[in-house]
Amino acid sequence: MTPEQHATRAEELVAEAEQLYGDLRGDIENADRVDQALWGFLDTTVRLGQLHATLALRPPETPAP
């Protein structure tokens, strides 16, 4: 993936994480409980977003001569 593709994927994952967070927060506010599976998805999504954001900052690889 190029840095631009990593940046795009990071943005997509942020949107997904925001949705998951909203769902999780709703569960807590409405039922005073935490869905462990949803929590796991949120954690994984955030970690993947961080990875893609970091990779987006790396300079593109140049082919070896």
PDB file of N, CA and C in Angstrom:
ATOM      1  N   MET A   1       0.840  -1.179   0.000  1.00  0.00           N
ATOM      2  CA  MET A   1       0.000   0.000   0.000  1.00  0.00           C
ATOM      3  C   MET A   1       0.886   1.243   0.000  1.00  0.00           C
ATOM      4  N   THR A   2       0.406   2.261  -0.654  1.00  0.00           N
ATOM      5  CA  THR A   2       1.119   3.537  -0.658  1.00  0.00           C
ATOM      6  C   THR A   2       0.768   4.316   0.608  1.00  0.00           C
ATOM      7  N   PRO A   3       1.569   5.333   0.933  1.00  0.00           N
ATOM      8  CA  PRO A   3       1.215   6.158   2.095  1.00  0.00           C
ATOM      9  C   PRO A   3      -0.195   6.757   1.980  1.00  0.00           C
ATOM     10  N   GLU A   4      -0.588   7.135   0.780  1.00  0.00           N
ATOM     11  CA  GLU A   4      -1.925   7.698   0.571  1.00  0.00           C
ATOM     12  C   GLU A   4      -3.008   6.661   0.850  1.00  0.00           C
ATOM     13  N   GLN A   5      -2.778   5.434   0.431  1.00  0.00           N
ATOM     14  CA  GLN A   5      -3.745   4.365   0.695  1.00  0.00           C
ATOM     15  C   GLN A   5      -3.833   4.068   2.191  1.00  0.00           C
ATOM     16  N   HIS A   6      -2.681   4.100   2.864  1.00  0.00           N
ATOM     17  CA  HIS A   6      -2.687   3.902   4.312  1.00  0.00           C
ATOM     18  C   HIS A   6      -3.471   5.028   4.997  1.00  0.00           C
ATOM     19  N   ALA A   7      -3.283   6.260   4.540  1.00  0.00           N
ATOM     20  CA  ALA A   7      -4.006   7.394   5.127  1.00  0.00           C
ATOM     21  C   ALA A   7      -5.509   7.240   4.922  1.00  0.00           C
ATOM     22  N   THR A   8      -5.901   6.826   3.729  1.00  0.00           N
ATOM     23  CA  THR A   8      -7.316   6.614   3.435  1.00  0.00           C
ATOM     24  C   THR A   8      -7.890   5.524   4.334  1.00  0.00           C
ATOM     25  N   ARG A   9      -7.163   4.440   4.484  1.00  0.00           N
ATOM     26  CA  ARG A   9      -7.642   3.342   5.329  1.00  0.00           C
ATOM     27  C   ARG A   9      -7.724   3.781   6.789  1.00  0.00           C
ATOM     28  N   ALA A  10      -6.762   4.567   7.236  1.00  0.00           N
ATOM     29  CA  ALA A  10      -6.800   5.076   8.606  1.00  0.00           C
ATOM     30  C   ALA A  10      -8.058   5.911   8.823  1.00  0.00           C
ATOM     31  N   GLU A  11      -8.418   6.748   7.853  1.00  0.00           N
ATOM     32  CA  GLU A  11      -9.622   7.561   7.955  1.00  0.00           C
ATOM     33  C   GLU A  11     -10.873   6.686   8.010  1.00  0.00           C
ATOM     34  N   GLU A  12     -10.906   5.637   7.209  1.00  0.00           N
ATOM     35  CA  GLU A  12     -12.047   4.712   7.228  1.00  0.00           C
ATOM     36  C   GLU A  12     -12.170   4.035   8.592  1.00  0.00           C
ATOM     37  N   LEU A  13     -11.041   3.631   9.144  1.00  0.00           N
ATOM     38  CA  LEU A  13     -11.050   2.949  10.440  1.00  0.00           C
ATOM     39  C   LEU A  13     -11.458   3.891  11.571  1.00  0.00           C
ATOM     40  N   VAL A  14     -11.088   5.156  11.460  1.00  0.00           N
ATOM     41  CA  VAL A  14     -11.528   6.136  12.457  1.00  0.00           C
ATOM     42  C   VAL A  14     -13.050   6.240  12.432  1.00  0.00           C
ATOM     43  N   ALA A  15     -13.622   6.298  11.245  1.00  0.00           N
ATOM     44  CA  ALA A  15     -15.085   6.370  11.139  1.00  0.00           C
ATOM     45  C   ALA A  15     -15.739   5.125  11.734  1.00  0.00           C
ATOM     46  N   GLU A  16     -15.173   3.962  11.459  1.00  0.00           N
ATOM     47  CA  GLU A  16     -15.701   2.716  12.030  1.00  0.00           C
ATOM     48  C   GLU A  16     -15.577   2.717  13.556  1.00  0.00           C
ATOM     49  N   ALA A  17     -14.445   3.185  14.064  1.00  0.00           N
ATOM     50  CA  ALA A  17     -14.229   3.220  15.508  1.00  0.00           C
ATOM     51  C   ALA A  17     -15.212   4.178  16.174  1.00  0.00           C
ATOM     52  N   GLU A  18     -15.489   5.311  15.519  1.00  0.00           N
ATOM     53  CA  GLU A  18     -16.454   6.252  16.079  1.00  0.00           C
ATOM     54  C   GLU A  18     -17.844   5.625  16.165  1.00  0.00           C
ATOM     55  N   GLN A  19     -18.222   4.870  15.146  1.00  0.00           N
ATOM     56  CA  GLN A  19     -19.521   4.190  15.162  1.00  0.00           C
ATOM     57  C   GLN A  19     -19.571   3.143  16.277  1.00  0.00           C
ATOM     58  N   LEU A  20     -18.511   2.354  16.386  1.00  0.00           N
ATOM     59  CA  LEU A  20     -18.460   1.334  17.436  1.00  0.00           C
ATOM     60  C   LEU A  20     -18.500   1.976  18.824  1.00  0.00           C
ATOM     61  N   TYR A  21     -17.792   3.078  18.987  1.00  0.00           N
ATOM     62  CA  TYR A  21     -17.787   3.773  20.271  1.00  0.00           C
ATOM     63  C   TYR A  21     -19.195   4.267  20.612  1.00  0.00           C
ATOM     64  N   GLY A  22     -19.877   4.809  19.608  1.00  0.00           N
ATOM     65  CA  GLY A  22     -21.245   5.267  19.827  1.00  0.00           C
ATOM     66  C   GLY A  22     -22.163   4.131  20.250  1.00  0.00           C
ATOM     67  N   ASP A  23     -22.008   2.990  19.592  1.00  0.00           N
ATOM     68  CA  ASP A  23     -22.816   1.822  19.953  1.00  0.00           C
ATOM     69  C   ASP A  23     -22.503   1.366  21.379  1.00  0.00           C
ATOM     70  N   LEU A  24     -21.235   1.337  21.712  1.00  0.00           N
ATOM     71  CA  LEU A  24     -20.807   0.905  23.044  1.00  0.00           C
ATOM     72  C   LEU A  24     -21.307   1.875  24.109  1.00  0.00           C
ATOM     73  N   ARG A  25     -21.183   3.140  23.825  1.00  0.00           N
ATOM     74  CA  ARG A  25     -21.654   4.155  24.779  1.00  0.00           C
ATOM     75  C   ARG A  25     -23.163   4.055  24.977  1.00  0.00           C
ATOM     76  N   GLY A  26     -23.888   3.803  23.885  1.00  0.00           N
ATOM     77  CA  GLY A  26     -25.335   3.619  23.990  1.00  0.00           C
ATOM     78  C   GLY A  26     -25.692   2.436  24.868  1.00  0.00           C
ATOM     79  N   ASP A  27     -24.949   1.349  24.714  1.00  0.00           N
ATOM     80  CA  ASP A  27     -25.179   0.169  25.562  1.00  0.00           C
ATOM     81  C   ASP A  27     -24.990   0.514  27.038  1.00  0.00           C
ATOM     82  N   ILE A  28     -23.952   1.269  27.323  1.00  0.00           N
ATOM     83  CA  ILE A  28     -23.650   1.616  28.710  1.00  0.00           C
ATOM     84  C   ILE A  28     -24.737   2.539  29.269  1.00  0.00           C
ATOM     85  N   GLU A  29     -25.133   3.535  28.475  1.00  0.00           N
ATOM     86  CA  GLU A  29     -26.132   4.489  28.950  1.00  0.00           C
ATOM     87  C   GLU A  29     -27.516   3.861  29.082  1.00  0.00           C
ATOM     88  N   ASN A  30     -27.868   2.964  28.177  1.00  0.00           N
ATOM     89  CA  ASN A  30     -29.216   2.391  28.171  1.00  0.00           C
ATOM     90  C   ASN A  30     -29.355   1.143  29.033  1.00  0.00           C
ATOM     91  N   ALA A  31     -28.331   0.344  29.094  1.00  0.00           N
ATOM     92  CA  ALA A  31     -28.456  -0.931  29.811  1.00  0.00           C
ATOM     93  C   ALA A  31     -27.399  -1.101  30.896  1.00  0.00           C
ATOM     94  N   ASP A  32     -26.542  -0.100  31.048  1.00  0.00           N
ATOM     95  CA  ASP A  32     -25.490  -0.152  32.051  1.00  0.00           C
ATOM     96  C   ASP A  32     -24.663  -1.430  31.951  1.00  0.00           C
ATOM     97  N   ARG A  33     -24.346  -1.785  30.700  1.00  0.00           N
ATOM     98  CA  ARG A  33     -23.527  -2.971  30.478  1.00  0.00           C
ATOM     99  C   ARG A  33     -22.581  -2.705  29.314  1.00  0.00           C
ATOM    100  N   VAL A  34     -21.540  -3.514  29.230  1.00  0.00           N
ATOM    101  CA  VAL A  34     -20.567  -3.407  28.142  1.00  0.00           C
ATOM    102  C   VAL A  34     -20.584  -4.710  27.365  1.00  0.00           C
ATOM    103  N   ASP A  35     -20.817  -4.610  26.073  1.00  0.00           N
ATOM    104  CA  ASP A  35     -20.763  -5.776  25.195  1.00  0.00           C
ATOM    105  C   ASP A  35     -19.293  -6.077  24.924  1.00  0.00           C
ATOM    106  N   GLN A  36     -18.794  -7.171  25.466  1.00  0.00           N
ATOM    107  CA  GLN A  36     -17.369  -7.504  25.354  1.00  0.00           C
ATOM    108  C   GLN A  36     -16.930  -7.710  23.905  1.00  0.00           C
ATOM    109  N   ALA A  37     -17.801  -8.280  23.084  1.00  0.00           N
ATOM    110  CA  ALA A  37     -17.445  -8.475  21.673  1.00  0.00           C
ATOM    111  C   ALA A  37     -17.288  -7.123  20.982  1.00  0.00           C
ATOM    112  N   LEU A  38     -18.202  -6.200  21.265  1.00  0.00           N
ATOM    113  CA  LEU A  38     -18.129  -4.862  20.684  1.00  0.00           C
ATOM    114  C   LEU A  38     -16.873  -4.143  21.160  1.00  0.00           C
ATOM    115  N   TRP A  39     -16.557  -4.310  22.438  1.00  0.00           N
ATOM    116  CA  TRP A  39     -15.339  -3.718  22.990  1.00  0.00           C
ATOM    117  C   TRP A  39     -14.107  -4.258  22.254  1.00  0.00           C
ATOM    118  N   GLY A  40     -14.085  -5.554  21.983  1.00  0.00           N
ATOM    119  CA  GLY A  40     -12.972  -6.153  21.250  1.00  0.00           C
ATOM    120  C   GLY A  40     -12.854  -5.613  19.832  1.00  0.00           C
ATOM    121  N   PHE A  41     -13.993  -5.451  19.166  1.00  0.00           N
ATOM    122  CA  PHE A  41     -13.977  -4.878  17.813  1.00  0.00           C
ATOM    123  C   PHE A  41     -13.447  -3.449  17.844  1.00  0.00           C
ATOM    124  N   LEU A  42     -13.882  -2.677  18.837  1.00  0.00           N
ATOM    125  CA  LEU A  42     -13.417  -1.299  18.955  1.00  0.00           C
ATOM    126  C   LEU A  42     -11.907  -1.266  19.163  1.00  0.00           C
ATOM    127  N   ASP A  43     -11.415  -2.086  20.063  1.00  0.00           N
ATOM    128  CA  ASP A  43      -9.983  -2.133  20.345  1.00  0.00           C
ATOM    129  C   ASP A  43      -9.180  -2.482  19.088  1.00  0.00           C
ATOM    130  N   THR A  44      -9.629  -3.502  18.384  1.00  0.00           N
ATOM    131  CA  THR A  44      -8.926  -3.929  17.172  1.00  0.00           C
ATOM    132  C   THR A  44      -8.977  -2.851  16.096  1.00  0.00           C
ATOM    133  N   THR A  45     -10.123  -2.221  15.939  1.00  0.00           N
ATOM    134  CA  THR A  45     -10.277  -1.173  14.924  1.00  0.00           C
ATOM    135  C   THR A  45      -9.359   0.006  15.221  1.00  0.00           C
ATOM    136  N   VAL A  46      -9.279   0.399  16.482  1.00  0.00           N
ATOM    137  CA  VAL A  46      -8.403   1.507  16.868  1.00  0.00           C
ATOM    138  C   VAL A  46      -6.942   1.143  16.597  1.00  0.00           C
ATOM    139  N   ARG A  47      -6.557  -0.070  16.947  1.00  0.00           N
ATOM    140  CA  ARG A  47      -5.166  -0.493  16.723  1.00  0.00           C
ATOM    141  C   ARG A  47      -4.821  -0.519  15.230  1.00  0.00           C
ATOM    142  N   LEU A  48      -5.749  -1.014  14.417  1.00  0.00           N
ATOM    143  CA  LEU A  48      -5.505  -1.029  12.970  1.00  0.00           C
ATOM    144  C   LEU A  48      -5.429   0.388  12.417  1.00  0.00           C
ATOM    145  N   GLY A  49      -6.277   1.271  12.925  1.00  0.00           N
ATOM    146  CA  GLY A  49      -6.230   2.672  12.503  1.00  0.00           C
ATOM    147  C   GLY A  49      -4.898   3.314  12.841  1.00  0.00           C
ATOM    148  N   GLN A  50      -4.392   3.030  14.040  1.00  0.00           N
ATOM    149  CA  GLN A  50      -3.088   3.559  14.445  1.00  0.00           C
ATOM    150  C   GLN A  50      -1.977   3.031  13.544  1.00  0.00           C
ATOM    151  N   LEU A  51      -2.046   1.760  13.225  1.00  0.00           N
ATOM    152  CA  LEU A  51      -1.035   1.159  12.353  1.00  0.00           C
ATOM    153  C   LEU A  51      -1.043   1.826  10.978  1.00  0.00           C
ATOM    154  N   HIS A  52      -2.217   1.957  10.388  1.00  0.00           N
ATOM    155  CA  HIS A  52      -2.301   2.573   9.061  1.00  0.00           C
ATOM    156  C   HIS A  52      -1.886   4.044   9.107  1.00  0.00           C
ATOM    157  N   ALA A  53      -2.239   4.759  10.172  1.00  0.00           N
ATOM    158  CA  ALA A  53      -1.830   6.159  10.286  1.00  0.00           C
ATOM    159  C   ALA A  53      -0.310   6.268  10.369  1.00  0.00           C
ATOM    160  N   THR A  54       0.314   5.368  11.110  1.00  0.00           N
ATOM    161  CA  THR A  54       1.769   5.366  11.218  1.00  0.00           C
ATOM    162  C   THR A  54       2.413   5.044   9.874  1.00  0.00           C
ATOM    163  N   LEU A  55       1.881   4.035   9.195  1.00  0.00           N
ATOM    164  CA  LEU A  55       2.444   3.669   7.892  1.00  0.00           C
ATOM    165  C   LEU A  55       2.246   4.766   6.854  1.00  0.00           C
ATOM    166  N   ALA A  56       1.202   5.572   7.009  1.00  0.00           N
ATOM    167  CA  ALA A  56       0.968   6.686   6.077  1.00  0.00           C
ATOM    168  C   ALA A  56       2.055   7.744   6.198  1.00  0.00           C
ATOM    169  N   LEU A  57       2.712   7.811   7.340  1.00  0.00           N
ATOM    170  CA  LEU A  57       3.755   8.810   7.562  1.00  0.00           C
ATOM    171  C   LEU A  57       5.111   8.394   7.011  1.00  0.00           C
ATOM    172  N   ARG A  58       5.241   7.138   6.679  1.00  0.00           N
ATOM    173  CA  ARG A  58       6.517   6.645   6.159  1.00  0.00           C
ATOM    174  C   ARG A  58       6.710   7.112   4.722  1.00  0.00           C
ATOM    175  N   PRO A  59       7.936   7.451   4.366  1.00  0.00           N
ATOM    176  CA  PRO A  59       8.178   7.829   2.970  1.00  0.00           C
ATOM    177  C   PRO A  59       7.994   6.619   2.056  1.00  0.00           C
ATOM    178  N   PRO A  60       7.567   6.848   0.827  1.00  0.00           N
ATOM    179  CA  PRO A  60       7.404   5.713  -0.093  1.00  0.00           C
ATOM    180  C   PRO A  60       8.745   5.036  -0.356  1.00  0.00           C
ATOM    181  N   GLU A  61       8.672   3.743  -0.556  1.00  0.00           N
ATOM    182  CA  GLU A  61       9.889   2.993  -0.846  1.00  0.00           C
ATOM    183  C   GLU A  61      10.365   3.318  -2.257  1.00  0.00           C
ATOM    184  N   THR A  62      11.670   3.395  -2.402  1.00  0.00           N
ATOM    185  CA  THR A  62      12.237   3.599  -3.736  1.00  0.00           C
ATOM    186  C   THR A  62      12.839   2.280  -4.188  1.00  0.00           C
ATOM    187  N   PRO A  63      12.636   1.942  -5.444  1.00  0.00           N
ATOM    188  CA  PRO A  63      13.186   0.673  -5.926  1.00  0.00           C
ATOM    189  C   PRO A  63      14.714   0.662  -5.874  1.00  0.00           C
ATOM    190  N   ALA A  64      15.261  -0.495  -5.591  1.00  0.00           N
ATOM    191  CA  ALA A  64      16.724  -0.646  -5.550  1.00  0.00           C
ATOM    192  C   ALA A  64      17.272  -0.528  -6.971  1.00  0.00           C
ATOM    193  N   PRO A  65      18.431   0.071  -7.096  1.00  0.00           N
ATOM    194  CA  PRO A  65      19.026   0.220  -8.453  1.00  0.00           C
ATOM    195  C   PRO A  65      19.452  -1.098  -9.048  1.00  0.00           C
TER     196      PRO A  65
END
